[in-house]
PDB file of N, CA and C in Angstrom:
ATOM      1  N   MET A   1     186.838  89.222 101.964  1.00  0.00           N
ATOM      2  CA  MET A   1     185.602  89.642 101.333  1.00  0.00           C
ATOM      3  C   MET A   1     185.450  88.903 100.003  1.00  0.00           C
ATOM      4  N   ARG A   2     184.279  88.386  99.763  1.00  0.00           N
ATOM      5  CA  ARG A   2     184.026  87.687  98.505  1.00  0.00           C
ATOM      6  C   ARG A   2     183.974  88.691  97.364  1.00  0.00           C
ATOM      7  N   ALA A   3     184.434  88.270  96.205  1.00  0.00           N
ATOM      8  CA  ALA A   3     184.522  89.178  95.053  1.00  0.00           C
ATOM      9  C   ALA A   3     183.175  89.773  94.678  1.00  0.00           C
ATOM     10  N   GLU A   4     182.107  88.987  94.794  1.00  0.00           N
ATOM     11  CA  GLU A   4     180.798  89.519  94.396  1.00  0.00           C
ATOM     12  C   GLU A   4     180.285  90.577  95.364  1.00  0.00           C
ATOM     13  N   ALA A   5     180.853  90.645  96.560  1.00  0.00           N
ATOM     14  CA  ALA A   5     180.445  91.657  97.542  1.00  0.00           C
ATOM     15  C   ALA A   5     181.246  92.948  97.392  1.00  0.00           C
ATOM     16  N   MET A   6     182.247  92.945  96.531  1.00  0.00           N
ATOM     17  CA  MET A   6     183.098  94.122  96.340  1.00  0.00           C
ATOM     18  C   MET A   6     182.458  95.105  95.368  1.00  0.00           C
ATOM     19  N   THR A   7     182.749  96.381  95.570  1.00  0.00           N
ATOM     20  CA  THR A   7     182.373  97.370  94.558  1.00  0.00           C
ATOM     21  C   THR A   7     183.228  97.106  93.323  1.00  0.00           C
ATOM     22  N   ASP A   8     182.869  97.713  92.204  1.00  0.00           N
ATOM     23  CA  ASP A   8     183.657  97.520  90.989  1.00  0.00           C
ATOM     24  C   ASP A   8     185.100  97.961  91.186  1.00  0.00           C
ATOM     25  N   ARG A   9     185.304  99.084  91.843  1.00  0.00           N
ATOM     26  CA  ARG A   9     186.678  99.566  92.065  1.00  0.00           C
ATOM     27  C   ARG A   9     187.459  98.628  92.988  1.00  0.00           C
ATOM     28  N   GLU A  10     186.815  98.137  94.033  1.00  0.00           N
ATOM     29  CA  GLU A  10     187.473  97.176  94.925  1.00  0.00           C
ATOM     30  C   GLU A  10     187.819  95.908  94.165  1.00  0.00           C
ATOM     31  N   PHE A  11     186.905  95.456  93.328  1.00  0.00           N
ATOM     32  CA  PHE A  11     187.128  94.245  92.549  1.00  0.00           C
ATOM     33  C   PHE A  11     188.309  94.419  91.595  1.00  0.00           C
ATOM     34  N   LEU A  12     188.404  95.567  90.937  1.00  0.00           N
ATOM     35  CA  LEU A  12     189.520  95.804  90.020  1.00  0.00           C
ATOM     36  C   LEU A  12     190.846  95.859  90.768  1.00  0.00           C
ATOM     37  N   SER A  13     190.846  96.412  91.951  1.00  0.00           N
ATOM     38  CA  SER A  13     192.049  96.425  92.782  1.00  0.00           C
ATOM     39  C   SER A  13     192.441  94.997  93.163  1.00  0.00           C
ATOM     40  N   TYR A  14     191.448  94.199  93.510  1.00  0.00           N
ATOM     41  CA  TYR A  14     191.672  92.779  93.824  1.00  0.00           C
ATOM     42  C   TYR A  14     192.291  92.070  92.614  1.00  0.00           C
ATOM     43  N   CYS A  15     191.730  92.299  91.426  1.00  0.00           N
ATOM     44  CA  CYS A  15     192.242  91.658  90.212  1.00  0.00           C
ATOM     45  C   CYS A  15     193.680  92.081  89.931  1.00  0.00           C
ATOM     46  N   ARG A  16     193.963  93.367  90.115  1.00  0.00           N
ATOM     47  CA  ARG A  16     195.325  93.865  89.902  1.00  0.00           C
ATOM     48  C   ARG A  16     196.298  93.146  90.833  1.00  0.00           C
ATOM     49  N   GLY A  17     195.906  92.985  92.086  1.00  0.00           N
ATOM     50  CA  GLY A  17     196.752  92.286  93.048  1.00  0.00           C
ATOM     51  C   GLY A  17     196.934  90.820  92.706  1.00  0.00           C
ATOM     52  N   MET A  18     195.856  90.170  92.293  1.00  0.00           N
ATOM     53  CA  MET A  18     195.935  88.746  91.936  1.00  0.00           C
ATOM     54  C   MET A  18     196.805  88.522  90.704  1.00  0.00           C
ATOM     55  N   ALA A  19     196.874  89.515  89.824  1.00  0.00           N
ATOM     56  CA  ALA A  19     197.706  89.392  88.625  1.00  0.00           C
ATOM     57  C   ALA A  19     199.186  89.345  88.980  1.00  0.00           C
ATOM     58  N   GLU A  20     199.528  89.744  90.190  1.00  0.00           N
ATOM     59  CA  GLU A  20     200.922  89.724  90.638  1.00  0.00           C
ATOM     60  C   GLU A  20     201.299  88.415  91.326  1.00  0.00           C
ATOM     61  N   THR A  21     200.325  87.544  91.567  1.00  0.00           N
ATOM     62  CA  THR A  21     200.621  86.278  92.240  1.00  0.00           C
ATOM     63  C   THR A  21     201.164  85.270  91.231  1.00  0.00           C
ATOM     64  N   PRO A  22     201.916  84.272  91.696  1.00  0.00           N
ATOM     65  CA  PRO A  22     202.491  83.290  90.772  1.00  0.00           C
ATOM     66  C   PRO A  22     201.451  82.553  89.921  1.00  0.00           C
ATOM     67  N   ARG A  23     200.310  82.208  90.514  1.00  0.00           N
ATOM     68  CA  ARG A  23     199.304  81.453  89.759  1.00  0.00           C
ATOM     69  C   ARG A  23     198.363  82.340  88.966  1.00  0.00           C
ATOM     70  N   CYS A  24     198.142  83.557  89.431  1.00  0.00           N
ATOM     71  CA  CYS A  24     197.195  84.465  88.780  1.00  0.00           C
ATOM     72  C   CYS A  24     195.861  83.738  88.593  1.00  0.00           C
ATOM     73  N   GLY A  25     195.371  83.158  89.712  1.00  0.00           N
ATOM     74  CA  GLY A  25     194.190  82.306  89.657  1.00  0.00           C
ATOM     75  C   GLY A  25     192.882  83.046  89.871  1.00  0.00           C
ATOM     76  N   PHE A  26     191.935  82.767  88.989  1.00  0.00           N
ATOM     77  CA  PHE A  26     190.597  83.346  89.053  1.00  0.00           C
ATOM     78  C   PHE A  26     189.583  82.250  88.741  1.00  0.00           C
ATOM     79  N   VAL A  27     188.386  82.390  89.277  1.00  0.00           N
ATOM     80  CA  VAL A  27     187.300  81.489  88.887  1.00  0.00           C
ATOM     81  C   VAL A  27     186.560  82.143  87.720  1.00  0.00           C
ATOM     82  N   PRO A  28     185.883  81.346  86.891  1.00  0.00           N
ATOM     83  CA  PRO A  28     185.209  81.903  85.712  1.00  0.00           C
ATOM     84  C   PRO A  28     184.272  83.072  86.012  1.00  0.00           C
ATOM     85  N   GLU A  29     183.575  83.032  87.127  1.00  0.00           N
ATOM     86  CA  GLU A  29     182.668  84.125  87.497  1.00  0.00           C
ATOM     87  C   GLU A  29     183.431  85.447  87.635  1.00  0.00           C
ATOM     88  N   GLN A  30     184.629  85.384  88.213  1.00  0.00           N
ATOM     89  CA  GLN A  30     185.443  86.595  88.372  1.00  0.00           C
ATOM     90  C   GLN A  30     185.960  87.083  87.022  1.00  0.00           C
ATOM     91  N   ILE A  31     186.382  86.149  86.183  1.00  0.00           N
ATOM     92  CA  ILE A  31     186.889  86.522  84.864  1.00  0.00           C
ATOM     93  C   ILE A  31     185.772  87.172  84.048  1.00  0.00           C
ATOM     94  N   ALA A  32     184.579  86.594  84.141  1.00  0.00           N
ATOM     95  CA  ALA A  32     183.429  87.155  83.420  1.00  0.00           C
ATOM     96  C   ALA A  32     183.141  88.577  83.896  1.00  0.00           C
ATOM     97  N   ARG A  33     183.168  88.778  85.198  1.00  0.00           N
ATOM     98  CA  ARG A  33     182.907  90.121  85.729  1.00  0.00           C
ATOM     99  C   ARG A  33     183.959  91.105  85.238  1.00  0.00           C
ATOM    100  N   LEU A  34     185.223  90.696  85.264  1.00  0.00           N
ATOM    101  CA  LEU A  34     186.297  91.578  84.810  1.00  0.00           C
ATOM    102  C   LEU A  34     186.116  91.941  83.342  1.00  0.00           C
ATOM    103  N   TYR A  35     185.860  90.945  82.495  1.00  0.00           N
ATOM    104  CA  TYR A  35     185.693  91.227  81.071  1.00  0.00           C
ATOM    105  C   TYR A  35     184.443  92.060  80.806  1.00  0.00           C
ATOM    106  N   ARG A  36     183.399  91.856  81.593  1.00  0.00           N
ATOM    107  CA  ARG A  36     182.186  92.668  81.434  1.00  0.00           C
ATOM    108  C   ARG A  36     182.493  94.137  81.769  1.00  0.00           C
ATOM    109  N   LEU A  37     183.222  94.347  82.868  1.00  0.00           N
ATOM    110  CA  LEU A  37     183.603  95.715  83.248  1.00  0.00           C
ATOM    111  C   LEU A  37     184.505  96.359  82.196  1.00  0.00           C
ATOM    112  N   ALA A  38     185.309  95.529  81.525  1.00  0.00           N
ATOM    113  CA  ALA A  38     186.230  96.034  80.504  1.00  0.00           C
ATOM    114  C   ALA A  38     185.532  96.278  79.166  1.00  0.00           C
ATOM    115  N   GLY A  39     184.251  95.893  79.074  1.00  0.00           N
ATOM    116  CA  GLY A  39     183.500  96.133  77.847  1.00  0.00           C
ATOM    117  C   GLY A  39     183.509  94.989  76.860  1.00  0.00           C
ATOM    118  N   HIS A  40     183.924  93.817  77.287  1.00  0.00           N
ATOM    119  CA  HIS A  40     183.983  92.639  76.417  1.00  0.00           C
ATOM    120  C   HIS A  40     182.852  91.678  76.788  1.00  0.00           C
ATOM    121  N   SER A  41     181.619  92.057  76.471  1.00  0.00           N
ATOM    122  CA  SER A  41     180.465  91.280  76.934  1.00  0.00           C
ATOM    123  C   SER A  41     180.398  89.883  76.321  1.00  0.00           C
ATOM    124  N   ALA A  42     180.776  89.719  75.059  1.00  0.00           N
ATOM    125  CA  ALA A  42     180.733  88.391  74.441  1.00  0.00           C
ATOM    126  C   ALA A  42     181.719  87.447  75.130  1.00  0.00           C
ATOM    127  N   LEU A  43     182.901  87.933  75.398  1.00  0.00           N
ATOM    128  CA  LEU A  43     183.907  87.137  76.101  1.00  0.00           C
ATOM    129  C   LEU A  43     183.443  86.834  77.523  1.00  0.00           C
ATOM    130  N   ALA A  44     182.838  87.817  78.169  1.00  0.00           N
ATOM    131  CA  ALA A  44     182.308  87.618  79.527  1.00  0.00           C
ATOM    132  C   ALA A  44     181.229  86.544  79.527  1.00  0.00           C
ATOM    133  N   ASP A  45     180.365  86.562  78.526  1.00  0.00           N
ATOM    134  CA  ASP A  45     179.304  85.552  78.441  1.00  0.00           C
ATOM    135  C   ASP A  45     179.883  84.154  78.295  1.00  0.00           C
ATOM    136  N   ARG A  46     180.937  84.010  77.505  1.00  0.00           N
ATOM    137  CA  ARG A  46     181.569  82.684  77.344  1.00  0.00           C
ATOM    138  C   ARG A  46     182.173  82.210  78.658  1.00  0.00           C
ATOM    139  N   TRP A  47     182.815  83.118  79.404  1.00  0.00           N
ATOM    140  CA  TRP A  47     183.386  82.732  80.693  1.00  0.00           C
ATOM    141  C   TRP A  47     182.297  82.379  81.694  1.00  0.00           C
ATOM    142  N   SER A  48     181.153  83.039  81.614  1.00  0.00           N
ATOM    143  CA  SER A  48     180.044  82.752  82.534  1.00  0.00           C
ATOM    144  C   SER A  48     179.528  81.328  82.374  1.00  0.00           C
ATOM    145  N   GLU A  49     179.713  80.764  81.205  1.00  0.00           N
ATOM    146  CA  GLU A  49     179.229  79.412  80.917  1.00  0.00           C
ATOM    147  C   GLU A  49     180.209  78.320  81.348  1.00  0.00           C
ATOM    148  N   GLN A  50     181.404  78.693  81.756  1.00  0.00           N
ATOM    149  CA  GLN A  50     182.430  77.711  82.122  1.00  0.00           C
ATOM    150  C   GLN A  50     182.143  77.107  83.491  1.00  0.00           C
ATOM    151  N   PRO A  51     182.541  75.833  83.678  1.00  0.00           N
ATOM    152  CA  PRO A  51     182.355  75.215  85.003  1.00  0.00           C
ATOM    153  C   PRO A  51     183.236  75.899  86.046  1.00  0.00           C
ATOM    154  N   ASN A  52     182.792  75.841  87.283  1.00  0.00           N
ATOM    155  CA  ASN A  52     183.524  76.489  88.369  1.00  0.00           C
ATOM    156  C   ASN A  52     184.852  75.781  88.618  1.00  0.00           C
ATOM    157  N   GLY A  53     185.845  76.519  88.989  1.00  0.00           N
ATOM    158  CA  GLY A  53     187.177  76.003  89.277  1.00  0.00           C
ATOM    159  C   GLY A  53     188.186  77.102  89.012  1.00  0.00           C
ATOM    160  N   VAL A  54     189.333  77.004  89.632  1.00  0.00           N
ATOM    161  CA  VAL A  54     190.351  78.049  89.478  1.00  0.00           C
ATOM    162  C   VAL A  54     191.056  77.887  88.136  1.00  0.00           C
ATOM    163  N   CYS A  55     191.167  78.991  87.420  1.00  0.00           N
ATOM    164  CA  CYS A  55     191.867  79.030  86.138  1.00  0.00           C
ATOM    165  C   CYS A  55     193.096  79.909  86.303  1.00  0.00           C
ATOM    166  N   ASN A  56     194.231  79.392  85.886  1.00  0.00           N
ATOM    167  CA  ASN A  56     195.447  80.202  85.901  1.00  0.00           C
ATOM    168  C   ASN A  56     195.440  81.063  84.646  1.00  0.00           C
ATOM    169  N   MET A  57     195.416  82.368  84.850  1.00  0.00           N
ATOM    170  CA  MET A  57     195.275  83.301  83.742  1.00  0.00           C
ATOM    171  C   MET A  57     196.612  83.943  83.383  1.00  0.00           C
ATOM    172  N   ASP A  58     196.672  84.474  82.170  1.00  0.00           N
ATOM    173  CA  ASP A  58     197.825  85.244  81.736  1.00  0.00           C
ATOM    174  C   ASP A  58     197.785  86.603  82.437  1.00  0.00           C
ATOM    175  N   ARG A  59     198.814  86.899  83.197  1.00  0.00           N
ATOM    176  CA  ARG A  59     198.812  88.131  83.998  1.00  0.00           C
ATOM    177  C   ARG A  59     198.694  89.385  83.138  1.00  0.00           C
ATOM    178  N   TRP A  60     199.235  89.350  81.928  1.00  0.00           N
ATOM    179  CA  TRP A  60     199.159  90.537  81.062  1.00  0.00           C
ATOM    180  C   TRP A  60     197.735  90.744  80.558  1.00  0.00           C
ATOM    181  N   ALA A  61     197.032  89.665  80.287  1.00  0.00           N
ATOM    182  CA  ALA A  61     195.627  89.778  79.859  1.00  0.00           C
ATOM    183  C   ALA A  61     194.781  90.369  80.983  1.00  0.00           C
ATOM    184  N   ILE A  62     195.058  89.943  82.217  1.00  0.00           N
ATOM    185  CA  ILE A  62     194.314  90.469  83.367  1.00  0.00           C
ATOM    186  C   ILE A  62     194.639  91.949  83.557  1.00  0.00           C
ATOM    187  N   ARG A  63     195.912  92.294  83.495  1.00  0.00           N
ATOM    188  CA  ARG A  63     196.305  93.703  83.657  1.00  0.00           C
ATOM    189  C   ARG A  63     195.653  94.588  82.598  1.00  0.00           C
ATOM    190  N   ASP A  64     195.647  94.109  81.347  1.00  0.00           N
ATOM    191  CA  ASP A  64     195.028  94.885  80.268  1.00  0.00           C
ATOM    192  C   ASP A  64     193.533  95.064  80.506  1.00  0.00           C
ATOM    193  N   ALA A  65     192.870  93.994  80.932  1.00  0.00           N
ATOM    194  CA  ALA A  65     191.429  94.073  81.189  1.00  0.00           C
ATOM    195  C   ALA A  65     191.137  95.024  82.348  1.00  0.00           C
ATOM    196  N   VAL A  66     191.972  94.985  83.386  1.00  0.00           N
ATOM    197  CA  VAL A  66     191.792  95.905  84.520  1.00  0.00           C
ATOM    198  C   VAL A  66     191.941  97.347  84.038  1.00  0.00           C
ATOM    199  N   LYS A  67     192.950  97.599  83.225  1.00  0.00           N
ATOM    200  CA  LYS A  67     193.177  98.958  82.712  1.00  0.00           C
ATOM    201  C   LYS A  67     191.978  99.429  81.885  1.00  0.00           C
ATOM    202  N   GLN A  68     191.479  98.568  81.011  1.00  0.00           N
ATOM    203  CA  GLN A  68     190.318  98.927  80.189  1.00  0.00           C
ATOM    204  C   GLN A  68     189.093  99.192  81.059  1.00  0.00           C
ATOM    205  N   ALA A  69     188.898  98.359  82.065  1.00  0.00           N
ATOM    206  CA  ALA A  69     187.749  98.529  82.960  1.00  0.00           C
ATOM    207  C   ALA A  69     187.855  99.834  83.738  1.00  0.00           C
ATOM    208  N   GLU A  70     189.051 100.147  84.221  1.00  0.00           N
ATOM    209  CA  GLU A  70     189.245 101.403  84.960  1.00  0.00           C
ATOM    210  C   GLU A  70     188.965 102.610  84.064  1.00  0.00           C
ATOM    211  N   GLU A  71     189.407 102.540  82.822  1.00  0.00           N
ATOM    212  CA  GLU A  71     189.152 103.635  81.885  1.00  0.00           C
ATOM    213  C   GLU A  71     187.654 103.794  81.642  1.00  0.00           C
ATOM    214  N   ARG A  72     186.941 102.684  81.545  1.00  0.00           N
ATOM    215  CA  ARG A  72     185.488 102.749  81.340  1.00  0.00           C
ATOM    216  C   ARG A  72     184.786 103.320  82.567  1.00  0.00           C
ATOM    217  N   LEU A  73     185.266 102.992  83.760  1.00  0.00           N
ATOM    218  CA  LEU A  73     184.654 103.538  84.970  1.00  0.00           C
ATOM    219  C   LEU A  73     184.838 105.048  85.043  1.00  0.00           C
ATOM    220  N   VAL A  74     185.992 105.525  84.602  1.00  0.00           N
ATOM    221  CA  VAL A  74     186.265 106.962  84.615  1.00  0.00           C
ATOM    222  C   VAL A  74     185.378 107.666  83.591  1.00  0.00           C
ATOM    223  N   GLU A  75     185.158 107.025  82.438  1.00  0.00           N
ATOM    224  CA  GLU A  75     184.379 107.633  81.368  1.00  0.00           C
ATOM    225  C   GLU A  75     182.879 107.618  81.644  1.00  0.00           C
ATOM    226  N   THR A  76     182.423 106.722  82.500  1.00  0.00           N
ATOM    227  CA  THR A  76     181.001 106.611  82.782  1.00  0.00           C
ATOM    228  C   THR A  76     180.526 107.864  83.492  1.00  0.00           C
ATOM    229  N   PRO A  77     179.545 108.553  82.908  1.00  0.00           N
ATOM    230  CA  PRO A  77     179.078 109.775  83.571  1.00  0.00           C
ATOM    231  C   PRO A  77     178.391 109.458  84.888  1.00  0.00           C
ATOM    232  N   LYS A  78     178.677 110.254  85.847  1.00  0.00           N
ATOM    233  CA  LYS A  78     178.055 110.095  87.159  1.00  0.00           C
ATOM    234  C   LYS A  78     176.743 110.875  87.155  1.00  0.00           C
ATOM    235  N   THR A  79     175.776 110.393  87.889  1.00  0.00           N
ATOM    236  CA  THR A  79     174.531 111.147  87.982  1.00  0.00           C
ATOM    237  C   THR A  79     174.799 112.408  88.782  1.00  0.00           C
ATOM    238  N   THR A  80     174.270 113.483  88.311  1.00  0.00           N
ATOM    239  CA  THR A  80     174.495 114.753  88.996  1.00  0.00           C
ATOM    240  C   THR A  80     173.289 115.090  89.846  1.00  0.00           C
ATOM    241  N   ALA A  81     173.553 115.653  90.962  1.00  0.00           N
ATOM    242  CA  ALA A  81     172.470 116.074  91.857  1.00  0.00           C
ATOM    243  C   ALA A  81     171.855 117.354  91.308  1.00  0.00           C
ATOM    244  N   GLU A  82     170.581 117.486  91.508  1.00  0.00           N
ATOM    245  CA  GLU A  82     169.895 118.703  91.078  1.00  0.00           C
ATOM    246  C   GLU A  82     170.358 119.852  91.968  1.00  0.00           C
ATOM    247  N   ILE A  83     170.621 120.981  91.354  1.00  0.00           N
ATOM    248  CA  ILE A  83     171.064 122.148  92.122  1.00  0.00           C
ATOM    249  C   ILE A  83     169.831 122.855  92.667  1.00  0.00           C
ATOM    250  N   LEU A  84     169.797 123.011  93.946  1.00  0.00           N
ATOM    251  CA  LEU A  84     168.672 123.677  94.598  1.00  0.00           C
ATOM    252  C   LEU A  84     169.021 125.129  94.847  1.00  0.00           C
ATOM    253  N   GLN A  85     168.079 125.982  94.571  1.00  0.00           N
ATOM    254  CA  GLN A  85     168.300 127.401  94.850  1.00  0.00           C
ATOM    255  C   GLN A  85     167.595 127.741  96.154  1.00  0.00           C
ATOM    256  N   PHE A  86     168.338 128.299  97.056  1.00  0.00           N
ATOM    257  CA  PHE A  86     167.785 128.686  98.350  1.00  0.00           C
ATOM    258  C   PHE A  86     167.278 130.124  98.273  1.00  0.00           C
ATOM    259  N   PRO A  87     166.204 130.424  98.980  1.00  0.00           N
ATOM    260  CA  PRO A  87     165.701 131.806  98.979  1.00  0.00           C
ATOM    261  C   PRO A  87     166.733 132.744  99.591  1.00  0.00           C
ATOM    262  N   ARG A  88     166.753 133.966  99.126  1.00  0.00           N
ATOM    263  CA  ARG A  88     167.730 134.936  99.622  1.00  0.00           C
ATOM    264  C   ARG A  88     167.203 135.676 100.782  1.00  0.00           C
TER     265      ARG A  88
END
């Protein structure tokens, strides 16, 4: 599955797994998405401007960004459904 077709949670799981590989390789589009999810929009914008190609990343930086992104996903309020009252 292509990274852009993944949900945010699937993508973060993918990133966590890739951080365990010897190369820890990501393309700039993926790095930008990860940093955007982690709340680092300026850094994400800089990565979005980079030419396409695999970048070997620091696994600890990726792990930290995944952790920050997961924390932000948990903190994001979910839309609540309206409670309907049924006649008695």
